C-alpha atoms as a PDB file:
ATOM      1  CA  UNK A   1     201.509 210.289  77.944  1.00  0.00           C
ATOM      2  CA  UNK A   2     200.116 210.544  74.550  1.00  0.00           C
ATOM      3  CA  UNK A   3     196.101 210.753  73.165  1.00  0.00           C
ATOM      4  CA  UNK A   4     197.720 207.314  71.515  1.00  0.00           C
ATOM      5  CA  UNK A   5     198.078 205.602  74.967  1.00  0.00           C
ATOM      6  CA  UNK A   6     195.809 207.791  77.165  1.00  0.00           C
ATOM      7  CA  UNK A   7     192.707 206.690  75.002  1.00  0.00           C
ATOM      8  CA  UNK A   8     194.091 202.747  75.361  1.00  0.00           C
ATOM      9  CA  UNK A   9     193.684 203.057  79.388  1.00  0.00           C
ATOM     10  CA  UNK A  10     190.732 204.833  79.021  1.00  0.00           C
ATOM     11  CA  UNK A  11     189.594 201.868  76.635  1.00  0.00           C
ATOM     12  CA  UNK A  12     190.349 198.577  78.885  1.00  0.00           C
ATOM     13  CA  UNK A  13     189.449 200.526  82.779  1.00  0.00           C
ATOM     14  CA  UNK A  14     185.509 199.785  82.593  1.00  0.00           C
ATOM     15  CA  UNK A  15     186.599 195.844  81.400  1.00  0.00           C
ATOM     16  CA  UNK A  16     188.855 196.164  84.504  1.00  0.00           C
ATOM     17  CA  UNK A  17     186.523 198.071  86.597  1.00  0.00           C
ATOM     18  CA  UNK A  18     183.551 195.650  85.787  1.00  0.00           C
ATOM     19  CA  UNK A  19     185.500 192.886  87.456  1.00  0.00           C
ATOM     20  CA  UNK A  20     185.719 192.159  91.211  1.00  0.00           C
ATOM     21  CA  UNK A  21     189.002 193.314  93.251  1.00  0.00           C
ATOM     22  CA  UNK A  22     190.798 190.321  93.626  1.00  0.00           C
ATOM     23  CA  UNK A  23     190.192 188.703  89.968  1.00  0.00           C
ATOM     24  CA  UNK A  24     192.467 186.948  87.723  1.00  0.00           C
ATOM     25  CA  UNK A  25     192.170 187.901  83.990  1.00  0.00           C
ATOM     26  CA  UNK A  26     193.504 186.701  80.842  1.00  0.00           C
ATOM     27  CA  UNK A  27     195.579 188.758  78.080  1.00  0.00           C
ATOM     28  CA  UNK A  28     196.519 186.427  75.111  1.00  0.00           C
ATOM     29  CA  UNK A  29     198.971 188.224  73.052  1.00  0.00           C
ATOM     30  CA  UNK A  30     200.615 186.840  70.059  1.00  0.00           C
ATOM     31  CA  UNK A  31     203.607 189.954  70.067  1.00  0.00           C
ATOM     32  CA  UNK A  32     202.022 191.671  67.396  1.00  0.00           C
ATOM     33  CA  UNK A  33     201.552 195.997  68.245  1.00  0.00           C
ATOM     34  CA  UNK A  34     198.176 194.836  68.695  1.00  0.00           C
ATOM     35  CA  UNK A  35     198.979 192.546  71.895  1.00  0.00           C
ATOM     36  CA  UNK A  36     201.213 193.884  73.206  1.00  0.00           C
ATOM     37  CA  UNK A  37     199.712 197.475  73.054  1.00  0.00           C
ATOM     38  CA  UNK A  38     196.928 195.541  75.369  1.00  0.00           C
ATOM     39  CA  UNK A  39     198.710 194.178  77.702  1.00  0.00           C
ATOM     40  CA  UNK A  40     200.379 197.614  77.919  1.00  0.00           C
ATOM     41  CA  UNK A  41     197.569 199.276  79.002  1.00  0.00           C
ATOM     42  CA  UNK A  42     195.782 196.952  81.984  1.00  0.00           C
ATOM     43  CA  UNK A  43     198.535 196.598  83.117  1.00  0.00           C
ATOM     44  CA  UNK A  44     198.958 199.745  83.671  1.00  0.00           C
ATOM     45  CA  UNK A  45     195.141 199.928  84.700  1.00  0.00           C
ATOM     46  CA  UNK A  46     195.456 196.674  86.421  1.00  0.00           C
ATOM     47  CA  UNK A  47     197.600 197.371  89.596  1.00  0.00           C
ATOM     48  CA  UNK A  48     194.140 200.084  90.706  1.00  0.00           C
ATOM     49  CA  UNK A  49     192.155 197.965  90.804  1.00  0.00           C
ATOM     50  CA  UNK A  50     194.399 195.417  92.179  1.00  0.00           C
ATOM     51  CA  UNK A  51     193.171 192.262  89.423  1.00  0.00           C
ATOM     52  CA  UNK A  52     195.779 189.930  88.648  1.00  0.00           C
ATOM     53  CA  UNK A  53     196.666 189.173  85.645  1.00  0.00           C
ATOM     54  CA  UNK A  54     197.900 186.344  84.085  1.00  0.00           C
ATOM     55  CA  UNK A  55     199.723 186.895  80.533  1.00  0.00           C
ATOM     56  CA  UNK A  56     199.062 183.380  77.772  1.00  0.00           C
ATOM     57  CA  UNK A  57     201.374 183.513  74.705  1.00  0.00           C
ATOM     58  CA  UNK A  58     200.151 180.663  72.160  1.00  0.00           C
ATOM     59  CA  UNK A  59     202.789 179.030  70.226  1.00  0.00           C
ATOM     60  CA  UNK A  60     200.647 177.421  67.341  1.00  0.00           C
ATOM     61  CA  UNK A  61     203.788 175.471  66.523  1.00  0.00           C
ATOM     62  CA  UNK A  62     203.314 176.314  62.887  1.00  0.00           C
ATOM     63  CA  UNK A  63     206.291 178.118  61.211  1.00  0.00           C
ATOM     64  CA  UNK A  64     210.304 177.868  62.917  1.00  0.00           C
ATOM     65  CA  UNK A  65     211.691 180.111  64.961  1.00  0.00           C
ATOM     66  CA  UNK A  66     207.581 179.740  66.715  1.00  0.00           C
ATOM     67  CA  UNK A  67     209.396 179.033  70.333  1.00  0.00           C
ATOM     68  CA  UNK A  68     211.653 181.597  70.321  1.00  0.00           C
ATOM     69  CA  UNK A  69     209.062 184.258  69.714  1.00  0.00           C
ATOM     70  CA  UNK A  70     207.340 182.597  72.301  1.00  0.00           C
ATOM     71  CA  UNK A  71     210.160 182.887  74.827  1.00  0.00           C
ATOM     72  CA  UNK A  72     210.200 187.065  73.899  1.00  0.00           C
ATOM     73  CA  UNK A  73     206.761 187.613  74.224  1.00  0.00           C
ATOM     74  CA  UNK A  74     207.137 185.995  77.318  1.00  0.00           C
ATOM     75  CA  UNK A  75     210.374 188.163  78.321  1.00  0.00           C
ATOM     76  CA  UNK A  76     208.208 191.068  76.996  1.00  0.00           C
ATOM     77  CA  UNK A  77     205.751 190.751  79.367  1.00  0.00           C
ATOM     78  CA  UNK A  78     207.764 190.527  82.141  1.00  0.00           C
ATOM     79  CA  UNK A  79     209.185 193.737  81.976  1.00  0.00           C
ATOM     80  CA  UNK A  80     206.362 195.386  80.912  1.00  0.00           C
ATOM     81  CA  UNK A  81     205.498 194.575  85.060  1.00  0.00           C
ATOM     82  CA  UNK A  82     203.205 191.244  84.577  1.00  0.00           C
ATOM     83  CA  UNK A  83     204.740 188.768  87.415  1.00  0.00           C
ATOM     84  CA  UNK A  84     203.160 185.401  85.808  1.00  0.00           C
ATOM     85  CA  UNK A  85     203.181 184.928  81.493  1.00  0.00           C
ATOM     86  CA  UNK A  86     202.850 181.473  79.540  1.00  0.00           C
ATOM     87  CA  UNK A  87     203.378 179.909  76.760  1.00  0.00           C
ATOM     88  CA  UNK A  88     201.103 177.609  75.417  1.00  0.00           C
ATOM     89  CA  UNK A  89     201.658 174.638  72.501  1.00  0.00           C
ATOM     90  CA  UNK A  90     199.048 173.188  70.235  1.00  0.00           C
ATOM     91  CA  UNK A  91     198.735 171.128  67.987  1.00  0.00           C
ATOM     92  CA  UNK A  92     196.440 172.791  64.680  1.00  0.00           C
ATOM     93  CA  UNK A  93     194.218 169.765  63.075  1.00  0.00           C
ATOM     94  CA  UNK A  94     193.363 170.169  59.466  1.00  0.00           C
ATOM     95  CA  UNK A  95     189.785 170.045  58.739  1.00  0.00           C
ATOM     96  CA  UNK A  96     189.178 174.080  57.517  1.00  0.00           C
ATOM     97  CA  UNK A  97     191.864 175.653  56.677  1.00  0.00           C
ATOM     98  CA  UNK A  98     194.972 176.314  57.837  1.00  0.00           C
ATOM     99  CA  UNK A  99     193.326 180.309  60.169  1.00  0.00           C
ATOM    100  CA  UNK A 100     190.495 178.807  60.913  1.00  0.00           C
ATOM    101  CA  UNK A 101     191.909 176.271  62.455  1.00  0.00           C
ATOM    102  CA  UNK A 102     194.696 177.365  64.658  1.00  0.00           C
ATOM    103  CA  UNK A 103     192.026 180.189  65.854  1.00  0.00           C
ATOM    104  CA  UNK A 104     189.773 177.195  66.983  1.00  0.00           C
ATOM    105  CA  UNK A 105     193.431 174.987  68.699  1.00  0.00           C
ATOM    106  CA  UNK A 106     194.422 178.683  70.071  1.00  0.00           C
ATOM    107  CA  UNK A 107     190.521 179.089  71.756  1.00  0.00           C
ATOM    108  CA  UNK A 108     190.916 175.722  72.924  1.00  0.00           C
ATOM    109  CA  UNK A 109     194.337 176.518  74.683  1.00  0.00           C
ATOM    110  CA  UNK A 110     193.268 179.252  76.458  1.00  0.00           C
ATOM    111  CA  UNK A 111     189.846 178.472  77.210  1.00  0.00           C
ATOM    112  CA  UNK A 112     191.405 175.703  79.033  1.00  0.00           C
ATOM    113  CA  UNK A 113     193.769 177.736  81.047  1.00  0.00           C
ATOM    114  CA  UNK A 114     190.743 180.091  82.346  1.00  0.00           C
ATOM    115  CA  UNK A 115     189.122 176.946  83.787  1.00  0.00           C
ATOM    116  CA  UNK A 116     193.220 176.460  86.056  1.00  0.00           C
ATOM    117  CA  UNK A 117     193.663 179.160  87.280  1.00  0.00           C
ATOM    118  CA  UNK A 118     189.714 180.717  87.501  1.00  0.00           C
ATOM    119  CA  UNK A 119     189.929 183.890  85.181  1.00  0.00           C
ATOM    120  CA  UNK A 120     186.646 186.172  84.944  1.00  0.00           C
ATOM    121  CA  UNK A 121     188.053 187.199  81.693  1.00  0.00           C
ATOM    122  CA  UNK A 122     190.095 187.058  78.701  1.00  0.00           C
ATOM    123  CA  UNK A 123     191.432 190.191  77.091  1.00  0.00           C
ATOM    124  CA  UNK A 124     191.830 189.621  73.666  1.00  0.00           C
ATOM    125  CA  UNK A 125     193.810 192.564  70.982  1.00  0.00           C
ATOM    126  CA  UNK A 126     191.148 192.992  67.793  1.00  0.00           C
ATOM    127  CA  UNK A 127     190.994 196.910  66.484  1.00  0.00           C
ATOM    128  CA  UNK A 128     188.373 198.234  64.572  1.00  0.00           C
ATOM    129  CA  UNK A 129     190.678 197.454  61.756  1.00  0.00           C
ATOM    130  CA  UNK A 130     190.371 193.175  62.774  1.00  0.00           C
ATOM    131  CA  UNK A 131     186.757 194.059  62.829  1.00  0.00           C
ATOM    132  CA  UNK A 132     186.041 195.614  59.556  1.00  0.00           C
ATOM    133  CA  UNK A 133     188.060 193.140  57.976  1.00  0.00           C
ATOM    134  CA  UNK A 134     185.072 190.444  59.571  1.00  0.00           C
ATOM    135  CA  UNK A 135     182.562 192.861  57.547  1.00  0.00           C
ATOM    136  CA  UNK A 136     184.131 192.192  54.491  1.00  0.00           C
ATOM    137  CA  UNK A 137     184.915 188.751  54.986  1.00  0.00           C
ATOM    138  CA  UNK A 138     181.463 187.881  55.856  1.00  0.00           C
ATOM    139  CA  UNK A 139     179.944 190.478  52.841  1.00  0.00           C
ATOM    140  CA  UNK A 140     182.275 188.438  50.456  1.00  0.00           C
ATOM    141  CA  UNK A 141     180.832 185.381  51.649  1.00  0.00           C
ATOM    142  CA  UNK A 142     177.224 186.305  51.805  1.00  0.00           C
ATOM    143  CA  UNK A 143     176.765 185.196  55.484  1.00  0.00           C
ATOM    144  CA  UNK A 144     173.955 186.777  57.292  1.00  0.00           C
ATOM    145  CA  UNK A 145     172.959 189.403  60.803  1.00  0.00           C
ATOM    146  CA  UNK A 146     174.886 187.189  62.668  1.00  0.00           C
ATOM    147  CA  UNK A 147     178.215 187.131  60.986  1.00  0.00           C
ATOM    148  CA  UNK A 148     178.230 191.423  59.178  1.00  0.00           C
ATOM    149  CA  UNK A 149     177.925 192.252  63.296  1.00  0.00           C
ATOM    150  CA  UNK A 150     181.247 190.666  63.945  1.00  0.00           C
ATOM    151  CA  UNK A 151     182.594 190.683  66.597  1.00  0.00           C
ATOM    152  CA  UNK A 152     181.409 191.138  69.847  1.00  0.00           C
ATOM    153  CA  UNK A 153     183.619 193.643  72.827  1.00  0.00           C
ATOM    154  CA  UNK A 154     182.712 190.865  75.303  1.00  0.00           C
ATOM    155  CA  UNK A 155     181.832 186.921  74.847  1.00  0.00           C
ATOM    156  CA  UNK A 156     181.333 184.672  77.421  1.00  0.00           C
ATOM    157  CA  UNK A 157     185.063 185.669  79.210  1.00  0.00           C
ATOM    158  CA  UNK A 158     186.587 187.116  76.540  1.00  0.00           C
ATOM    159  CA  UNK A 159     187.007 190.295  75.879  1.00  0.00           C
ATOM    160  CA  UNK A 160     188.343 192.922  73.380  1.00  0.00           C
ATOM    161  CA  UNK A 161     188.226 196.697  75.165  1.00  0.00           C
ATOM    162  CA  UNK A 162     189.999 197.499  71.779  1.00  0.00           C
ATOM    163  CA  UNK A 163     186.733 197.299  69.071  1.00  0.00           C
ATOM    164  CA  UNK A 164     187.155 200.965  68.651  1.00  0.00           C
ATOM    165  CA  UNK A 165     190.566 201.404  68.287  1.00  0.00           C
ATOM    166  CA  UNK A 166     192.514 201.302  65.537  1.00  0.00           C
ATOM    167  CA  UNK A 167     195.857 199.941  64.818  1.00  0.00           C
ATOM    168  CA  UNK A 168     197.307 203.714  63.499  1.00  0.00           C
ATOM    169  CA  UNK A 169     197.024 203.639  67.654  1.00  0.00           C
ATOM    170  CA  UNK A 170     198.073 200.066  68.909  1.00  0.00           C
ATOM    171  CA  UNK A 171     201.700 200.788  66.354  1.00  0.00           C
ATOM    172  CA  UNK A 172     202.532 204.530  68.892  1.00  0.00           C
ATOM    173  CA  UNK A 173     202.095 203.680  72.020  1.00  0.00           C
ATOM    174  CA  UNK A 174     204.128 200.683  70.956  1.00  0.00           C
ATOM    175  CA  UNK A 175     206.322 203.501  69.913  1.00  0.00           C
ATOM    176  CA  UNK A 176     205.750 205.170  73.304  1.00  0.00           C
ATOM    177  CA  UNK A 177     206.590 202.633  75.376  1.00  0.00           C
ATOM    178  CA  UNK A 178     209.906 201.331  73.312  1.00  0.00           C
ATOM    179  CA  UNK A 179     207.998 198.037  73.074  1.00  0.00           C
ATOM    180  CA  UNK A 180     208.923 195.977  69.293  1.00  0.00           C
ATOM    181  CA  UNK A 181     206.277 194.072  68.054  1.00  0.00           C
ATOM    182  CA  UNK A 182     206.604 191.131  66.094  1.00  0.00           C
ATOM    183  CA  UNK A 183     205.531 190.891  62.184  1.00  0.00           C
ATOM    184  CA  UNK A 184     203.731 187.754  61.672  1.00  0.00           C
ATOM    185  CA  UNK A 185     204.420 186.380  58.714  1.00  0.00           C
ATOM    186  CA  UNK A 186     200.759 185.289  57.824  1.00  0.00           C
ATOM    187  CA  UNK A 187     200.315 188.578  58.381  1.00  0.00           C
ATOM    188  CA  UNK A 188     201.993 189.428  54.589  1.00  0.00           C
ATOM    189  CA  UNK A 189     200.312 185.968  53.048  1.00  0.00           C
ATOM    190  CA  UNK A 190     198.513 186.979  51.162  1.00  0.00           C
ATOM    191  CA  UNK A 191     197.133 183.489  50.313  1.00  0.00           C
ATOM    192  CA  UNK A 192     195.227 183.796  53.209  1.00  0.00           C
ATOM    193  CA  UNK A 193     191.702 186.088  51.784  1.00  0.00           C
ATOM    194  CA  UNK A 194     192.083 187.952  55.389  1.00  0.00           C
ATOM    195  CA  UNK A 195     195.062 189.552  54.575  1.00  0.00           C
ATOM    196  CA  UNK A 196     194.394 190.194  51.222  1.00  0.00           C
ATOM    197  CA  UNK A 197     191.497 192.166  52.846  1.00  0.00           C
ATOM    198  CA  UNK A 198     193.111 194.319  54.993  1.00  0.00           C
ATOM    199  CA  UNK A 199     196.914 194.362  52.437  1.00  0.00           C
ATOM    200  CA  UNK A 200     194.639 195.495  49.108  1.00  0.00           C
ATOM    201  CA  UNK A 201     190.395 196.045  50.058  1.00  0.00           C
ATOM    202  CA  UNK A 202     190.742 198.262  52.920  1.00  0.00           C
ATOM    203  CA  UNK A 203     192.952 200.191  51.090  1.00  0.00           C
ATOM    204  CA  UNK A 204     191.729 200.730  47.274  1.00  0.00           C
ATOM    205  CA  UNK A 205     188.596 201.202  49.362  1.00  0.00           C
ATOM    206  CA  UNK A 206     190.032 204.302  51.348  1.00  0.00           C
ATOM    207  CA  UNK A 207     191.300 205.775  48.364  1.00  0.00           C
ATOM    208  CA  UNK A 208     188.454 205.098  45.781  1.00  0.00           C
ATOM    209  CA  UNK A 209     185.387 206.018  47.947  1.00  0.00           C
ATOM    210  CA  UNK A 210     187.058 208.555  50.613  1.00  0.00           C
ATOM    211  CA  UNK A 211     188.656 207.902  54.552  1.00  0.00           C
ATOM    212  CA  UNK A 212     186.868 206.273  57.668  1.00  0.00           C
ATOM    213  CA  UNK A 213     186.008 203.244  56.001  1.00  0.00           C
ATOM    214  CA  UNK A 214     186.984 201.575  58.424  1.00  0.00           C
ATOM    215  CA  UNK A 215     185.018 203.458  60.974  1.00  0.00           C
ATOM    216  CA  UNK A 216     182.140 203.404  58.675  1.00  0.00           C
ATOM    217  CA  UNK A 217     181.449 199.503  58.686  1.00  0.00           C
ATOM    218  CA  UNK A 218     182.416 199.597  62.632  1.00  0.00           C
ATOM    219  CA  UNK A 219     180.069 201.682  63.435  1.00  0.00           C
ATOM    220  CA  UNK A 220     177.173 199.178  61.029  1.00  0.00           C
ATOM    221  CA  UNK A 221     178.486 196.112  63.303  1.00  0.00           C
ATOM    222  CA  UNK A 222     177.388 197.619  66.405  1.00  0.00           C
ATOM    223  CA  UNK A 223     173.786 198.458  64.401  1.00  0.00           C
ATOM    224  CA  UNK A 224     174.126 194.560  62.948  1.00  0.00           C
ATOM    225  CA  UNK A 225     174.614 193.254  66.405  1.00  0.00           C
ATOM    226  CA  UNK A 226     171.947 195.697  67.606  1.00  0.00           C
ATOM    227  CA  UNK A 227     169.073 194.177  65.264  1.00  0.00           C
ATOM    228  CA  UNK A 228     170.613 190.465  65.315  1.00  0.00           C
ATOM    229  CA  UNK A 229     170.623 190.823  69.623  1.00  0.00           C
ATOM    230  CA  UNK A 230     167.003 192.196  68.781  1.00  0.00           C
ATOM    231  CA  UNK A 231     166.574 188.943  66.783  1.00  0.00           C
ATOM    232  CA  UNK A 232     167.791 186.630  69.101  1.00  0.00           C
ATOM    233  CA  UNK A 233     165.483 186.849  71.273  1.00  0.00           C
ATOM    234  CA  UNK A 234     162.603 186.835  69.743  1.00  0.00           C
ATOM    235  CA  UNK A 235     163.233 183.340  67.982  1.00  0.00           C
ATOM    236  CA  UNK A 236     164.198 181.755  72.014  1.00  0.00           C
ATOM    237  CA  UNK A 237     161.547 183.082  72.729  1.00  0.00           C
ATOM    238  CA  UNK A 238     159.236 180.311  70.982  1.00  0.00           C
ATOM    239  CA  UNK A 239     162.382 178.072  70.406  1.00  0.00           C
ATOM    240  CA  UNK A 240     161.311 178.038  74.778  1.00  0.00           C
ATOM    241  CA  UNK A 241     158.264 177.041  74.299  1.00  0.00           C
ATOM    242  CA  UNK A 242     158.093 174.376  71.015  1.00  0.00           C
ATOM    243  CA  UNK A 243     160.142 170.860  70.837  1.00  0.00           C
ATOM    244  CA  UNK A 244     162.980 171.055  68.513  1.00  0.00           C
ATOM    245  CA  UNK A 245     162.252 168.014  66.964  1.00  0.00           C
ATOM    246  CA  UNK A 246     158.820 167.943  66.135  1.00  0.00           C
ATOM    247  CA  UNK A 247     157.911 171.119  64.543  1.00  0.00           C
ATOM    248  CA  UNK A 248     154.368 172.601  63.404  1.00  0.00           C
ATOM    249  CA  UNK A 249     154.967 173.415  59.306  1.00  0.00           C
ATOM    250  CA  UNK A 250     152.234 176.007  59.343  1.00  0.00           C
ATOM    251  CA  UNK A 251     153.049 177.880  62.588  1.00  0.00           C
ATOM    252  CA  UNK A 252     156.971 178.108  61.312  1.00  0.00           C
ATOM    253  CA  UNK A 253     155.450 179.468  57.659  1.00  0.00           C
ATOM    254  CA  UNK A 254     153.542 182.094  59.553  1.00  0.00           C
ATOM    255  CA  UNK A 255     156.645 183.727  61.270  1.00  0.00           C
ATOM    256  CA  UNK A 256     158.772 186.107  59.708  1.00  0.00           C
ATOM    257  CA  UNK A 257     161.054 184.652  57.741  1.00  0.00           C
ATOM    258  CA  UNK A 258     164.444 185.326  59.468  1.00  0.00           C
ATOM    259  CA  UNK A 259     162.710 184.002  62.925  1.00  0.00           C
ATOM    260  CA  UNK A 260     162.522 181.633  61.374  1.00  0.00           C
ATOM    261  CA  UNK A 261     165.412 180.387  59.929  1.00  0.00           C
ATOM    262  CA  UNK A 262     166.938 180.963  63.994  1.00  0.00           C
ATOM    263  CA  UNK A 263     164.438 177.948  64.781  1.00  0.00           C
ATOM    264  CA  UNK A 264     164.641 176.471  62.442  1.00  0.00           C
ATOM    265  CA  UNK A 265     169.316 176.548  62.540  1.00  0.00           C
ATOM    266  CA  UNK A 266     168.827 176.184  66.562  1.00  0.00           C
ATOM    267  CA  UNK A 267     167.293 173.421  66.449  1.00  0.00           C
ATOM    268  CA  UNK A 268     169.349 171.560  63.728  1.00  0.00           C
ATOM    269  CA  UNK A 269     172.841 172.059  66.262  1.00  0.00           C
ATOM    270  CA  UNK A 270     170.264 170.583  69.043  1.00  0.00           C
ATOM    271  CA  UNK A 271     170.379 167.163  66.415  1.00  0.00           C
ATOM    272  CA  UNK A 272     173.789 167.114  66.245  1.00  0.00           C
ATOM    273  CA  UNK A 273     175.318 168.863  63.172  1.00  0.00           C
ATOM    274  CA  UNK A 274     178.614 170.201  63.903  1.00  0.00           C
ATOM    275  CA  UNK A 275     179.128 173.789  65.414  1.00  0.00           C
ATOM    276  CA  UNK A 276     178.836 176.419  62.345  1.00  0.00           C
ATOM    277  CA  UNK A 277     178.249 173.793  59.812  1.00  0.00           C
ATOM    278  CA  UNK A 278     174.923 175.001  58.492  1.00  0.00           C
ATOM    279  CA  UNK A 279     175.021 176.775  55.263  1.00  0.00           C
ATOM    280  CA  UNK A 280     172.731 179.247  54.236  1.00  0.00           C
ATOM    281  CA  UNK A 281     172.002 176.564  51.480  1.00  0.00           C
ATOM    282  CA  UNK A 282     170.906 173.728  53.678  1.00  0.00           C
ATOM    283  CA  UNK A 283     169.456 176.715  55.722  1.00  0.00           C
ATOM    284  CA  UNK A 284     167.331 176.834  52.185  1.00  0.00           C
ATOM    285  CA  UNK A 285     166.798 173.573  51.974  1.00  0.00           C
ATOM    286  CA  UNK A 286     164.472 172.943  55.309  1.00  0.00           C
ATOM    287  CA  UNK A 287     162.647 176.744  54.561  1.00  0.00           C
ATOM    288  CA  UNK A 288     161.515 174.129  51.527  1.00  0.00           C
ATOM    289  CA  UNK A 289     160.457 171.545  53.729  1.00  0.00           C
ATOM    290  CA  UNK A 290     157.967 174.189  55.152  1.00  0.00           C
ATOM    291  CA  UNK A 291     157.928 176.894  52.825  1.00  0.00           C
ATOM    292  CA  UNK A 292     157.821 175.157  49.437  1.00  0.00           C
ATOM    293  CA  UNK A 293     156.542 172.052  50.183  1.00  0.00           C
ATOM    294  CA  UNK A 294     155.976 169.811  47.355  1.00  0.00           C
ATOM    295  CA  UNK A 295     156.375 166.591  48.206  1.00  0.00           C
ATOM    296  CA  UNK A 296     160.234 166.718  48.560  1.00  0.00           C
ATOM    297  CA  UNK A 297     162.015 163.436  50.553  1.00  0.00           C
ATOM    298  CA  UNK A 298     163.568 164.073  53.324  1.00  0.00           C
ATOM    299  CA  UNK A 299     166.716 166.931  53.503  1.00  0.00           C
ATOM    300  CA  UNK A 300     170.685 165.678  54.728  1.00  0.00           C
ATOM    301  CA  UNK A 301     172.443 167.477  57.061  1.00  0.00           C
ATOM    302  CA  UNK A 302     176.250 167.634  58.344  1.00  0.00           C
ATOM    303  CA  UNK A 303     176.574 165.560  61.576  1.00  0.00           C
ATOM    304  CA  UNK A 304     174.010 162.473  60.448  1.00  0.00           C
ATOM    305  CA  UNK A 305     170.598 164.674  60.759  1.00  0.00           C
ATOM    306  CA  UNK A 306     167.911 164.082  58.849  1.00  0.00           C
ATOM    307  CA  UNK A 307     165.822 166.551  58.395  1.00  0.00           C
ATOM    308  CA  UNK A 308     162.317 165.352  56.844  1.00  0.00           C
ATOM    309  CA  UNK A 309     158.308 166.655  56.636  1.00  0.00           C
ATOM    310  CA  UNK A 310     155.461 164.709  58.291  1.00  0.00           C
ATOM    311  CA  UNK A 311     152.015 164.689  58.218  1.00  0.00           C
ATOM    312  CA  UNK A 312     152.410 168.213  58.341  1.00  0.00           C
ATOM    313  CA  UNK A 313     155.544 168.589  60.940  1.00  0.00           C
ATOM    314  CA  UNK A 314     159.084 169.003  60.158  1.00  0.00           C
ATOM    315  CA  UNK A 315     160.990 165.877  61.857  1.00  0.00           C
ATOM    316  CA  UNK A 316     164.731 166.208  62.972  1.00  0.00           C
ATOM    317  CA  UNK A 317     167.102 162.599  63.536  1.00  0.00           C
ATOM    318  CA  UNK A 318     170.518 162.108  64.599  1.00  0.00           C
ATOM    319  CA  UNK A 319     171.081 159.088  61.674  1.00  0.00           C
ATOM    320  CA  UNK A 320     175.123 158.630  61.714  1.00  0.00           C
ATOM    321  CA  UNK A 321     176.001 157.788  58.323  1.00  0.00           C
END
């Protein structure tokens, strides 16, 4: 057994040990090196702990031959030892861009399967390299602490055991196990910003600044996640004792901006703005009603949410356009 496989098995084992004997867990597998290596490491560890694994591959139906590729993944997982492997076809609605829309459809399908089988966990194969890309993309967008903290190791049912594992290690395990990873053409299409970051930006940084950039970005993400969690907890303590649709502007103004912005964002979403729709500009306009009041009128936000300052209080209403 190579050191890479030892590392991968050691990475997944604590997650399996946190489950209860007899539990069911899903393994999301695209057929790429990362997810195949994840499936392989899990199937080596799960039987000792009496955990049932179900493989799931999502056919986004975006490429010619996608059904054939999904079938190949199913066969590969069966040969690996998976008793049940599902192929879930999804329709990708075009709203926020292909990458985001495909992700939305994929997670919805995984949630549905998890509910149907009573799965306790859904394993994803994101690696340290993916985490570094996510942090760089957040920096490019001018994101806040939460976005710069990257992907969570655990988020609800979703678990990412490989966030300290490199792509090089997953490829090595695939070679050792004689697995044949699929190379998704979308992962080479530089019309996607993430692909540019992966193929150009990170290699350039490694070349010009020095090795270890991906590891450093991943460490920064972990530090920022701790900070974001602490700030969220402080904001939640305030949120739990106020009416989010009727806020005292003077009290808000006294809070640190990091706490205040979280409360305002929570208030906007609680009033009806679609998840993920509130931008930094939206938040700045609402912030101005609190800290830079000059008699300005109401602010219109996504989802028909209207915010106005009335008699020293911030009033939030949902008024569909």
